[in-house]
N, C-alpha and C. Protein backbone atom coordinates (compact mmCIF):
# COMPACT_ATOMS: atom_id res chain seq x y z
N MET A 1 0.96 -0.84 0.26
CA MET A 1 -0.20 0.31 -0.12
C MET A 1 1.24 1.02 -0.10
N VAL A 2 0.61 2.23 -0.67
CA VAL A 2 1.17 3.69 -1.02
C VAL A 2 0.36 4.18 -0.01
N SER A 3 1.81 5.45 0.70
CA SER A 3 1.12 6.16 1.77
C SER A 3 0.64 7.45 1.17
N THR A 4 -0.02 7.60 1.51
CA THR A 4 -0.29 9.04 1.02
C THR A 4 -0.35 10.59 1.51
N ARG A 5 0.39 10.08 2.67
CA ARG A 5 1.80 11.24 3.77
C ARG A 5 2.34 12.02 2.56
N LYS A 6 2.37 12.89 2.82
CA LYS A 6 3.33 14.40 2.44
C LYS A 6 4.98 13.66 2.41
N THR A 7 5.32 13.79 1.91
CA THR A 7 6.47 13.70 2.18
C THR A 7 8.14 14.40 1.58
N VAL A 8 9.10 15.11 2.09
CA VAL A 8 10.00 16.15 1.09
C VAL A 8 10.56 15.22 0.05
N SER A 9 10.88 15.62 -1.19
CA SER A 9 11.58 15.43 -1.94
C SER A 9 12.81 15.32 -2.34
N PHE A 10 13.97 15.10 -1.45
CA PHE A 10 15.35 15.56 -1.47
C PHE A 10 15.62 13.62 -0.97
N HIS A 11 16.88 13.20 -1.50
CA HIS A 11 17.31 11.95 -1.01
C HIS A 11 18.91 12.10 -0.40
N GLN A 12 19.44 13.14 -0.39
CA GLN A 12 20.35 13.52 0.93
C GLN A 12 20.23 14.74 1.18
N MET A 13 20.62 14.85 2.76
CA MET A 13 19.71 16.26 3.19
C MET A 13 20.16 17.39 2.79
N LYS A 14 21.60 17.42 1.97
CA LYS A 14 22.59 18.53 1.61
C LYS A 14 20.91 19.29 0.36
N ASP A 15 20.44 18.40 -0.08
CA ASP A 15 19.69 19.13 -1.14
C ASP A 15 18.20 19.22 -0.24
N GLY A 16 18.08 19.68 0.90
CA GLY A 16 16.42 19.17 1.13
C GLY A 16 16.26 21.55 0.96
N THR A 17 15.38 21.90 0.59
CA THR A 17 14.99 23.05 0.70
C THR A 17 14.47 23.69 2.18
N LYS A 18 14.66 25.10 2.45
CA LYS A 18 14.25 25.20 4.15
C LYS A 18 12.36 25.29 4.41
N GLU A 19 12.05 25.23 3.12
CA GLU A 19 10.09 25.27 3.37
C GLU A 19 10.66 23.02 3.99
N GLU A 20 11.88 22.19 3.25
CA GLU A 20 11.17 21.04 3.21
C GLU A 20 11.38 20.92 4.92
N TYR A 21 12.22 21.21 5.28
CA TYR A 21 13.07 21.23 6.93
C TYR A 21 12.33 22.17 7.85
N ALA A 22 11.45 22.94 7.24
CA ALA A 22 9.90 23.56 8.21
C ALA A 22 9.89 22.71 8.60
N TYR A 23 8.93 21.93 7.94
CA TYR A 23 8.12 21.01 7.38
C TYR A 23 8.27 19.52 8.42
N LEU A 24 9.66 19.29 8.10
CA LEU A 24 9.80 17.88 8.84
C LEU A 24 9.91 18.47 10.21
N ALA A 25 10.37 19.78 10.62
CA ALA A 25 10.93 20.31 12.04
C ALA A 25 9.20 20.14 12.86
N LYS A 26 7.89 20.54 12.03
CA LYS A 26 6.65 20.25 12.64
C LYS A 26 6.22 18.76 13.13
N LEU A 27 6.68 18.54 11.88
CA LEU A 27 6.37 16.63 12.45
C LEU A 27 7.05 16.31 13.45
N GLU A 28 8.37 16.38 13.89
CA GLU A 28 9.37 16.32 14.27
C GLU A 28 8.85 16.69 16.04
N ALA A 29 8.03 17.81 15.86
CA ALA A 29 7.58 18.46 17.41
C ALA A 29 6.41 17.61 17.72
N GLU A 30 5.38 17.26 16.67
CA GLU A 30 4.29 16.63 16.74
C GLU A 30 4.29 15.17 17.25
N HIS A 31 5.64 14.81 16.89
CA HIS A 31 6.53 13.19 17.20
C HIS A 31 6.45 12.87 18.80
N ALA A 32 7.23 14.78 19.25
CA ALA A 32 7.86 14.74 20.27
C ALA A 32 6.57 14.35 21.46
N LEU A 33 5.58 14.68 21.11
CA LEU A 33 5.05 14.52 22.24
C LEU A 33 4.25 13.82 22.32
N GLU A 34 4.36 12.45 21.46
CA GLU A 34 4.36 11.45 22.25
C GLU A 34 5.18 10.41 22.77
N LEU A 35 5.93 11.42 22.96
CA LEU A 35 7.69 10.48 23.99
C LEU A 35 6.68 9.96 25.53
N PRO A 36 5.92 10.69 26.21
CA PRO A 36 5.93 9.84 27.26
C PRO A 36 5.41 8.91 26.96
N LYS A 37 3.89 8.88 25.99
CA LYS A 37 3.53 7.08 25.70
C LYS A 37 4.78 5.97 25.09
N ARG A 38 5.58 6.76 24.31
CA ARG A 38 6.82 5.77 23.91
C ARG A 38 7.84 5.47 25.26
N ILE A 39 7.90 6.06 26.38
CA ILE A 39 8.66 5.91 27.57
C ILE A 39 7.46 4.78 28.20
N LEU A 40 6.29 4.77 28.48
CA LEU A 40 5.71 4.15 29.34
C LEU A 40 5.29 2.78 28.63
N ASN A 41 5.42 2.80 27.41
CA ASN A 41 5.32 1.30 26.65
C ASN A 41 6.83 0.57 26.69
N GLN A 42 7.89 1.79 26.92
CA GLN A 42 9.16 0.75 26.87
C GLN A 42 9.26 0.29 28.02
N LEU A 43 8.75 1.05 29.39
CA LEU A 43 8.78 0.38 30.71
C LEU A 43 8.07 -0.72 31.02
N ARG A 44 6.85 -0.73 30.17
CA ARG A 44 6.59 -1.70 30.19
C ARG A 44 7.34 -3.23 29.74
N GLN A 45 8.06 -2.91 29.19
CA GLN A 45 9.01 -4.04 27.99
C GLN A 45 9.56 -4.98 29.41
N LEU A 46 9.77 -3.69 30.79
CA LEU A 46 11.09 -4.11 31.39
C LEU A 46 9.81 -5.53 32.06
N ASP A 47 8.52 -5.62 32.20
CA ASP A 47 8.08 -6.43 33.27
C ASP A 47 8.25 -7.96 32.43
N THR A 48 9.10 -8.29 31.24
CA THR A 48 9.20 -9.38 30.42
C THR A 48 10.50 -9.73 30.69
N GLY A 49 11.89 -8.30 31.16
CA GLY A 49 12.44 -9.02 31.21
C GLY A 49 13.63 -10.01 31.92
N LEU A 50 14.70 -9.19 31.95
CA LEU A 50 15.69 -10.27 32.70
C LEU A 50 15.38 -10.87 34.15
N SER A 51 14.91 -11.90 33.98
CA SER A 51 15.01 -12.93 35.55
C SER A 51 15.62 -13.23 36.33
N GLY A 52 15.64 -13.62 37.13
CA GLY A 52 16.11 -14.42 38.43
C GLY A 52 16.12 -13.67 39.40
N TYR A 53 15.85 -12.32 39.48
CA TYR A 53 15.75 -11.56 41.07
C TYR A 53 13.98 -12.22 41.52
N GLN A 54 13.45 -11.78 42.60
CA GLN A 54 12.30 -12.42 42.93
C GLN A 54 10.92 -11.12 42.61
N ILE A 55 11.78 -10.04 42.08
CA ILE A 55 10.66 -9.32 41.25
C ILE A 55 10.69 -9.31 40.04
N SER A 56 10.48 -8.30 38.80
CA SER A 56 10.83 -8.15 37.44
C SER A 56 11.44 -6.96 38.25
N ARG A 57 12.00 -6.00 36.19
CA ARG A 57 12.44 -5.40 36.62
C ARG A 57 11.52 -4.54 36.24
N LEU A 58 10.35 -4.18 35.62
CA LEU A 58 9.66 -3.17 36.11
C LEU A 58 8.98 -3.03 37.62
N ASP A 59 8.84 -4.27 38.25
CA ASP A 59 8.20 -3.92 39.63
C ASP A 59 9.60 -3.37 40.30
N HIS A 60 10.76 -3.57 39.98
CA HIS A 60 12.05 -2.61 40.51
C HIS A 60 11.87 -1.19 40.54
N SER A 61 12.00 -1.16 39.31
CA SER A 61 11.78 0.48 38.93
C SER A 61 10.85 1.51 39.10
N LEU A 62 9.55 0.38 39.24
CA LEU A 62 8.54 0.87 40.13
C LEU A 62 8.53 1.06 41.83
N GLN A 63 9.87 -0.24 42.42
CA GLN A 63 9.41 0.34 43.84
C GLN A 63 10.36 1.78 44.30
N THR A 64 11.44 1.49 43.16
CA THR A 64 12.47 3.02 43.30
C THR A 64 11.79 4.11 43.72
N ALA A 65 11.12 4.13 42.34
CA ALA A 65 10.46 5.56 42.54
C ALA A 65 9.31 5.48 43.47
N THR A 66 8.77 4.38 43.64
CA THR A 66 7.69 4.73 45.57
C THR A 66 8.67 4.60 46.36
N ARG A 67 9.76 4.21 46.50
CA ARG A 67 10.73 4.60 47.63
C ARG A 67 10.80 6.30 47.63
N ALA A 68 11.43 7.02 46.58
CA ALA A 68 11.52 8.38 46.23
C ALA A 68 10.34 9.13 46.64
N SER A 69 9.83 8.74 45.62
CA SER A 69 7.55 9.17 46.02
C SER A 69 7.94 9.83 47.93
N ARG A 70 7.85 8.38 48.29
CA ARG A 70 7.40 8.37 49.65
C ARG A 70 8.58 9.17 50.98
N ASP A 71 9.53 9.20 49.83
CA ASP A 71 10.26 10.18 50.80
C ASP A 71 10.22 11.62 50.66
N GLY A 72 9.59 11.64 49.84
CA GLY A 72 9.34 13.35 49.63
C GLY A 72 10.30 14.33 48.41
N ALA A 73 10.82 12.87 47.88
CA ALA A 73 11.82 13.69 46.16
C ALA A 73 10.96 14.24 45.62
N ASP A 74 11.31 15.26 44.40
CA ASP A 74 10.56 15.70 44.16
C ASP A 74 10.22 15.09 42.40
N ILE A 75 9.19 16.25 41.65
CA ILE A 75 9.21 14.91 40.72
C ILE A 75 10.74 14.46 39.42
N ASP A 76 11.85 15.73 39.89
CA ASP A 76 12.85 15.17 38.27
C ASP A 76 13.50 13.21 39.19
N TRP A 77 13.53 13.45 40.93
CA TRP A 77 13.75 12.55 41.11
C TRP A 77 13.11 11.31 40.94
N VAL A 78 12.08 11.76 40.97
CA VAL A 78 11.15 10.52 40.89
C VAL A 78 10.66 9.97 39.58
N VAL A 79 11.03 10.26 38.67
CA VAL A 79 10.69 9.83 37.03
C VAL A 79 12.04 9.75 37.13
N SER A 80 13.18 10.37 36.82
CA SER A 80 14.04 9.33 37.47
C SER A 80 14.93 8.52 37.86
N ALA A 81 14.25 8.00 38.89
CA ALA A 81 14.55 6.45 39.94
C ALA A 81 13.23 5.90 39.02
N LEU A 82 12.45 5.91 38.36
CA LEU A 82 11.53 5.20 37.43
C LEU A 82 12.18 4.62 36.14
N LEU A 83 12.79 5.40 35.83
CA LEU A 83 13.45 5.05 34.64
C LEU A 83 15.04 4.47 34.01
N HIS A 84 15.32 4.52 36.01
CA HIS A 84 16.87 4.58 35.93
C HIS A 84 17.30 3.23 35.18
N ASP A 85 16.72 2.55 34.77
CA ASP A 85 17.00 1.03 34.64
C ASP A 85 16.27 0.39 32.94
N LEU A 86 15.76 1.49 32.82
CA LEU A 86 15.39 1.65 31.31
C LEU A 86 15.97 0.76 29.91
N GLY A 87 17.51 1.26 30.11
CA GLY A 87 18.24 0.58 29.37
C GLY A 87 18.56 -0.82 29.69
N ASP A 88 18.33 -1.39 30.70
CA ASP A 88 18.57 -2.91 30.69
C ASP A 88 17.80 -3.84 29.84
N GLU A 89 17.03 -3.90 28.79
CA GLU A 89 16.55 -4.27 27.14
C GLU A 89 17.63 -3.92 26.56
N LEU A 90 17.74 -2.74 25.61
CA LEU A 90 18.65 -2.50 24.62
C LEU A 90 19.94 -2.09 25.07
N ALA A 91 20.29 -2.36 26.13
CA ALA A 91 21.86 -1.32 26.38
C ALA A 91 21.81 -2.62 28.05
N PRO A 92 23.11 -3.39 27.90
CA PRO A 92 22.52 -4.15 28.96
C PRO A 92 24.13 -3.74 29.97
N SER A 93 25.25 -3.36 28.61
CA SER A 93 26.46 -3.07 29.65
C SER A 93 26.74 -1.82 29.76
N ASN A 94 25.35 -0.63 29.39
CA ASN A 94 25.45 0.85 30.18
C ASN A 94 24.50 1.32 30.26
N HIS A 95 23.32 0.60 30.96
CA HIS A 95 22.10 0.94 31.32
C HIS A 95 21.87 1.55 31.32
N ASP A 96 23.06 2.60 32.40
CA ASP A 96 22.78 3.49 33.77
C ASP A 96 22.91 5.11 32.15
N ALA A 97 23.74 4.81 31.23
CA ALA A 97 24.42 5.82 30.30
C ALA A 97 22.67 6.56 29.53
N TYR A 98 22.42 4.95 28.63
CA TYR A 98 20.85 4.76 28.08
C TYR A 98 20.13 5.04 29.46
N ALA A 99 19.50 5.09 29.72
CA ALA A 99 18.72 5.99 30.53
C ALA A 99 18.90 7.31 30.72
N ALA A 100 20.04 7.94 31.24
CA ALA A 100 20.52 8.73 31.56
C ALA A 100 20.59 10.11 30.86
N THR A 101 20.75 9.60 29.00
CA THR A 101 20.82 10.32 27.78
C THR A 101 19.25 10.62 27.39
N ILE A 102 18.69 9.74 28.14
CA ILE A 102 17.27 10.02 27.65
C ILE A 102 16.20 10.57 28.46
N LEU A 103 17.11 10.96 29.83
CA LEU A 103 16.29 11.95 30.88
C LEU A 103 17.26 13.44 30.38
N LYS A 104 18.12 13.50 30.06
CA LYS A 104 19.24 14.20 30.08
C LYS A 104 19.01 15.94 29.68
N PRO A 105 17.58 15.94 28.55
CA PRO A 105 17.08 17.34 28.14
C PRO A 105 15.86 17.31 29.19
N TYR A 106 15.85 17.23 29.77
CA TYR A 106 14.55 17.02 30.30
C TYR A 106 14.00 17.41 32.02
N VAL A 107 15.37 16.77 32.77
CA VAL A 107 15.45 16.99 34.47
C VAL A 107 16.91 17.37 34.79
N ARG A 108 16.89 18.32 35.66
CA ARG A 108 18.13 18.58 36.04
C ARG A 108 19.16 18.06 36.55
N GLU A 109 20.58 18.96 36.21
CA GLU A 109 21.65 17.73 36.31
C GLU A 109 21.92 17.01 37.30
N GLU A 110 21.67 17.04 38.26
CA GLU A 110 21.99 16.57 38.98
C GLU A 110 21.15 14.94 39.27
N CYS A 111 19.64 14.88 39.11
CA CYS A 111 19.19 13.91 38.61
C CYS A 111 19.59 12.94 37.60
N GLU A 112 19.80 13.53 36.25
CA GLU A 112 21.13 13.00 35.32
C GLU A 112 22.29 12.32 35.53
N TRP A 113 22.92 12.87 36.48
CA TRP A 113 24.00 12.45 36.71
C TRP A 113 24.40 11.40 37.51
N ALA A 114 23.00 11.72 38.54
CA ALA A 114 23.02 10.29 39.44
C ALA A 114 22.55 8.75 38.92
N VAL A 115 21.24 9.03 37.73
CA VAL A 115 21.35 8.08 37.00
C VAL A 115 22.62 7.41 35.99
N ARG A 116 23.18 8.10 35.36
CA ARG A 116 24.14 8.19 34.74
C ARG A 116 25.77 7.02 35.66
N HIS A 117 25.74 7.53 37.02
CA HIS A 117 26.21 6.84 37.53
C HIS A 117 26.24 6.05 38.28
N HIS A 118 25.36 5.73 38.55
CA HIS A 118 24.27 4.70 39.79
C HIS A 118 24.80 3.19 39.78
N GLY A 119 25.64 2.70 38.13
CA GLY A 119 25.95 1.63 38.24
C GLY A 119 27.71 1.31 38.57
N ILE A 120 28.42 2.59 38.48
CA ILE A 120 29.27 2.41 39.27
C ILE A 120 28.83 2.38 40.85
N PHE A 121 28.01 3.49 41.78
CA PHE A 121 27.72 3.47 42.71
C PHE A 121 26.99 2.49 43.41
N GLN A 122 26.37 1.50 42.62
CA GLN A 122 25.84 0.08 43.31
C GLN A 122 27.16 -1.18 43.51
N LEU A 123 28.19 -0.78 42.87
CA LEU A 123 29.16 -2.14 43.39
C LEU A 123 29.52 -2.13 44.41
N ALA A 124 29.18 -0.60 45.39
CA ALA A 124 29.47 -0.93 46.73
C ALA A 124 28.99 -2.06 47.36
N TYR A 125 27.99 -2.28 47.10
CA TYR A 125 26.69 -3.11 47.28
C TYR A 125 27.61 -4.61 46.76
N TYR A 126 27.99 -5.21 45.87
CA TYR A 126 28.06 -5.93 45.37
C TYR A 126 29.28 -6.78 44.69
N GLY A 127 30.51 -5.70 43.97
CA GLY A 127 31.51 -5.62 43.45
C GLY A 127 32.17 -6.34 43.82
N GLU A 128 32.47 -6.28 45.90
CA GLU A 128 33.35 -7.50 46.17
C GLU A 128 33.06 -8.94 45.46
N LYS A 129 31.75 -9.14 45.86
CA LYS A 129 30.79 -10.81 45.57
C LYS A 129 31.27 -10.91 44.06
N ILE A 130 31.33 -10.48 42.83
CA ILE A 130 31.79 -10.61 41.62
C ILE A 130 33.10 -10.56 41.07
N GLY A 131 34.16 -10.04 42.31
CA GLY A 131 35.62 -9.59 41.94
C GLY A 131 36.07 -8.17 41.75
N VAL A 132 35.17 -7.51 41.63
CA VAL A 132 35.97 -6.21 41.36
C VAL A 132 35.68 -4.85 42.34
N SER A 133 36.22 -4.05 42.06
CA SER A 133 36.14 -3.36 43.61
C SER A 133 34.95 -2.54 44.26
N PRO A 134 34.64 -2.75 44.92
CA PRO A 134 33.46 -1.99 45.04
C PRO A 134 33.78 -0.39 45.85
N GLU A 135 34.08 -0.11 45.92
CA GLU A 135 35.11 1.05 45.63
C GLU A 135 35.30 2.16 44.49
N GLN A 136 35.08 1.84 43.39
CA GLN A 136 34.78 2.53 42.23
C GLN A 136 34.59 4.09 42.40
N HIS A 137 33.26 4.28 42.87
CA HIS A 137 32.19 5.34 43.07
C HIS A 137 33.28 6.39 44.04
N GLN A 138 34.60 6.16 44.40
CA GLN A 138 35.47 6.98 45.37
C GLN A 138 35.98 7.75 44.40
N LYS A 139 35.95 7.96 43.37
CA LYS A 139 36.99 8.86 42.62
C LYS A 139 36.25 9.98 42.02
N PHE A 140 35.22 9.61 42.20
CA PHE A 140 33.98 10.83 42.22
C PHE A 140 33.46 11.79 43.48
N SER A 141 34.06 11.52 44.67
CA SER A 141 33.88 11.38 46.10
C SER A 141 33.98 13.13 46.06
N ASP A 142 34.76 14.32 45.44
CA ASP A 142 34.42 15.71 45.59
C ASP A 142 33.72 15.99 44.30
N HIS A 143 33.07 15.71 43.28
CA HIS A 143 31.83 15.57 42.79
C HIS A 143 30.43 15.77 43.76
N PRO A 144 30.13 17.52 43.06
CA PRO A 144 29.25 18.10 43.81
C PRO A 144 28.02 17.19 44.11
N PHE A 145 27.91 15.96 43.18
CA PHE A 145 26.30 15.00 43.40
C PHE A 145 26.51 13.41 43.67
N TYR A 146 27.64 13.80 44.29
CA TYR A 146 28.21 12.48 44.96
C TYR A 146 27.43 12.16 46.06
N GLU A 147 27.29 12.89 46.94
CA GLU A 147 26.46 12.71 48.15
C GLU A 147 25.00 12.16 47.58
N SER A 148 24.25 12.71 46.86
CA SER A 148 23.01 13.00 46.13
C SER A 148 22.82 11.39 45.73
N THR A 149 23.97 10.90 44.66
CA THR A 149 23.74 9.81 43.94
C THR A 149 24.14 8.59 45.40
N VAL A 150 24.73 8.99 46.26
CA VAL A 150 24.66 7.97 47.33
C VAL A 150 23.77 7.80 48.17
N TYR A 151 23.32 8.66 48.03
CA TYR A 151 21.47 8.92 48.93
C TYR A 151 20.79 7.88 48.00
N PHE A 152 20.43 8.48 46.47
CA PHE A 152 19.74 7.34 45.40
C PHE A 152 19.97 5.99 45.30
N CYS A 153 20.99 5.95 45.55
CA CYS A 153 21.68 4.04 45.48
C CYS A 153 20.83 3.62 47.15
N GLU A 154 21.62 4.25 48.51
CA GLU A 154 21.31 3.64 49.36
C GLU A 154 19.65 3.49 50.01
N HIS A 155 18.66 4.64 49.40
CA HIS A 155 17.21 4.54 49.94
C HIS A 155 16.12 4.50 48.91
N TRP A 156 16.89 4.24 48.04
CA TRP A 156 15.92 3.80 46.84
C TRP A 156 15.86 2.59 46.11
N ASP A 157 17.17 2.13 45.27
CA ASP A 157 17.80 1.45 44.53
C ASP A 157 18.24 0.23 45.23
N GLN A 158 19.22 0.25 45.49
CA GLN A 158 19.63 -1.17 46.02
C GLN A 158 18.84 -1.88 46.94
N ASN A 159 18.25 -1.47 47.73
CA ASN A 159 17.14 -2.08 48.52
C ASN A 159 15.46 -2.24 47.62
N SER A 160 15.46 -2.14 46.68
CA SER A 160 14.47 -2.19 45.75
C SER A 160 13.86 -3.48 44.91
N PHE A 161 14.03 -4.48 45.64
CA PHE A 161 14.40 -5.96 44.85
C PHE A 161 13.24 -6.76 45.97
N ASP A 162 12.11 -6.10 47.01
CA ASP A 162 11.34 -6.99 47.96
C ASP A 162 10.09 -6.75 47.12
N PRO A 163 9.53 -8.31 47.12
CA PRO A 163 8.49 -8.32 46.75
C PRO A 163 7.14 -8.65 47.82
N ASN A 164 7.45 -8.02 48.76
CA ASN A 164 6.58 -7.62 50.13
C ASN A 164 6.83 -6.20 50.40
N TYR A 165 7.39 -5.53 49.09
CA TYR A 165 7.26 -3.66 49.53
C TYR A 165 5.49 -3.77 48.99
N LYS A 166 5.00 -2.74 49.36
CA LYS A 166 4.02 -1.89 48.96
C LYS A 166 4.39 -1.23 47.87
N THR A 167 4.36 -1.60 46.61
CA THR A 167 4.78 -1.28 45.42
C THR A 167 3.73 0.03 45.00
N GLU A 168 3.87 0.92 44.42
CA GLU A 168 2.59 2.08 43.22
C GLU A 168 2.76 1.25 42.22
N PRO A 169 1.93 1.18 40.87
CA PRO A 169 1.64 0.86 40.26
C PRO A 169 1.78 2.07 39.05
N LEU A 170 1.98 1.66 37.56
CA LEU A 170 2.52 2.81 36.89
C LEU A 170 1.36 4.03 36.08
N THR A 171 0.16 3.17 36.55
CA THR A 171 -0.66 4.45 36.64
C THR A 171 -0.32 5.71 37.58
N PHE A 172 0.01 5.50 38.74
CA PHE A 172 0.60 6.51 39.26
C PHE A 172 1.34 7.23 39.55
N PHE A 173 2.31 7.07 38.86
CA PHE A 173 3.64 7.95 38.01
C PHE A 173 3.12 8.14 36.46
N GLU A 174 2.22 7.75 35.72
CA GLU A 174 2.00 8.55 34.39
C GLU A 174 1.58 9.95 33.90
N ASP A 175 1.48 10.85 35.11
CA ASP A 175 1.06 11.80 34.70
C ASP A 175 2.44 12.55 35.02
N MET A 176 3.28 12.11 36.19
CA MET A 176 4.44 12.67 36.09
C MET A 176 5.50 12.44 35.30
N VAL A 177 5.29 11.44 34.35
CA VAL A 177 5.93 11.35 32.92
C VAL A 177 6.18 12.19 32.21
N CYS A 178 4.33 12.10 31.71
CA CYS A 178 4.03 13.36 30.63
C CYS A 178 4.45 14.50 30.90
N THR A 179 4.12 15.17 32.32
CA THR A 179 5.05 16.37 32.67
C THR A 179 6.22 16.29 32.69
N VAL A 180 6.92 15.56 32.39
CA VAL A 180 8.22 15.53 32.36
C VAL A 180 8.53 15.58 31.00
N PHE A 181 8.22 14.95 30.09
CA PHE A 181 8.67 14.78 29.40
C PHE A 181 7.56 15.48 27.87
N THR A 182 6.71 16.70 28.59
CA THR A 182 6.65 17.22 27.87
C THR A 182 6.79 18.82 27.99
N ARG A 183 8.24 18.77 28.75
CA ARG A 183 8.58 20.08 29.30
C ARG A 183 9.41 20.31 27.87
N PRO A 184 9.97 21.61 27.43
CA PRO A 184 10.69 22.29 26.03
C PRO A 184 11.99 21.38 26.75
N ALA A 185 13.09 20.70 25.69
CA ALA A 185 13.79 20.27 25.76
C ALA A 185 14.95 21.03 26.40
N TRP A 186 15.64 21.04 27.42
CA TRP A 186 16.81 22.30 27.37
C TRP A 186 16.55 23.37 27.93
N HIS A 187 15.60 23.74 28.55
CA HIS A 187 14.83 24.55 29.02
C HIS A 187 15.84 25.06 29.78
N ALA A 188 16.27 26.29 30.26
CA ALA A 188 16.67 26.65 31.83
C ALA A 188 16.54 26.47 32.78
N SER A 189 14.45 26.23 32.35
CA SER A 189 13.55 26.25 34.05
C SER A 189 13.64 25.00 34.77
N HIS A 190 14.44 23.81 33.74
CA HIS A 190 14.92 22.60 34.42
C HIS A 190 15.97 21.85 34.23
N VAL A 191 16.95 22.50 33.59
CA VAL A 191 17.90 21.90 32.89
C VAL A 191 19.10 22.79 33.56
N TYR A 192 19.95 22.59 34.81
CA TYR A 192 20.97 23.52 35.05
C TYR A 192 21.88 23.19 35.78
N CYS A 193 22.92 23.46 35.85
CA CYS A 193 23.81 23.21 37.24
C CYS A 193 24.17 24.07 38.28
N GLY A 194 24.76 23.23 39.23
CA GLY A 194 24.92 24.30 40.25
C GLY A 194 24.37 23.72 41.64
N THR A 195 24.60 23.59 42.93
CA THR A 195 24.58 23.65 44.51
C THR A 195 23.23 22.19 43.80
N PRO A 196 23.55 21.28 44.16
CA PRO A 196 21.79 20.57 44.76
C PRO A 196 21.03 20.74 45.62
N LEU A 197 19.86 20.59 45.25
CA LEU A 197 18.76 20.74 45.48
C LEU A 197 19.29 19.69 46.97
N PRO A 198 18.23 19.80 47.72
CA PRO A 198 17.42 18.57 49.12
C PRO A 198 16.59 17.38 48.35
N ILE A 199 17.77 16.74 48.47
CA ILE A 199 16.98 15.48 47.71
C ILE A 199 15.56 14.93 48.32
N SER A 200 15.61 15.18 49.96
CA SER A 200 13.94 15.12 50.31
C SER A 200 13.30 16.41 50.68
N LEU A 201 11.98 16.60 50.49
CA LEU A 201 10.75 17.67 50.65
C LEU A 201 10.89 17.77 52.36
N LYS A 202 10.84 16.04 52.60
CA LYS A 202 10.93 15.83 53.89
C LYS A 202 11.30 16.41 55.27
């Protein structure tokens, strides 16, 4: 079946016109509005992914975000906690960087940095048991986001494999995901450097 949707005429990017790129920009903006839906669908895929734990990867993600929410963390932290292992399916060797790259244009730098580095920080809990140094996170000890990443791992992530913990369902977080991922990408109002905010509002 032949598509009736309008397309650009060029085969090489260098041949596109200003009008064609304006048209593509409009389509890309419309496509971006569906990003929260695509992210939520990808999260659902974690329910049938990596096995061996007492709960699924989706339940682990939900539990991490639930702990963050109940700890009084703000929306940037909660959504970052929810997505922190999103790369498990497609980027098993660098899942933390995968998730952080998705978050980076939409949350403040502190939260993105914690997600990007949580894999190294988590080695503090099991590195010695798999034959690698559990102290690798110490190389970041002077970084302004070191303490908040330690907190993220200790209080929300490493302890979120508990089948008896009363975890919120994905529907609880859907509006938060929509709020974060419909923000204007890279806007200074939510992406900035500087002094870490209090990780908990309690």
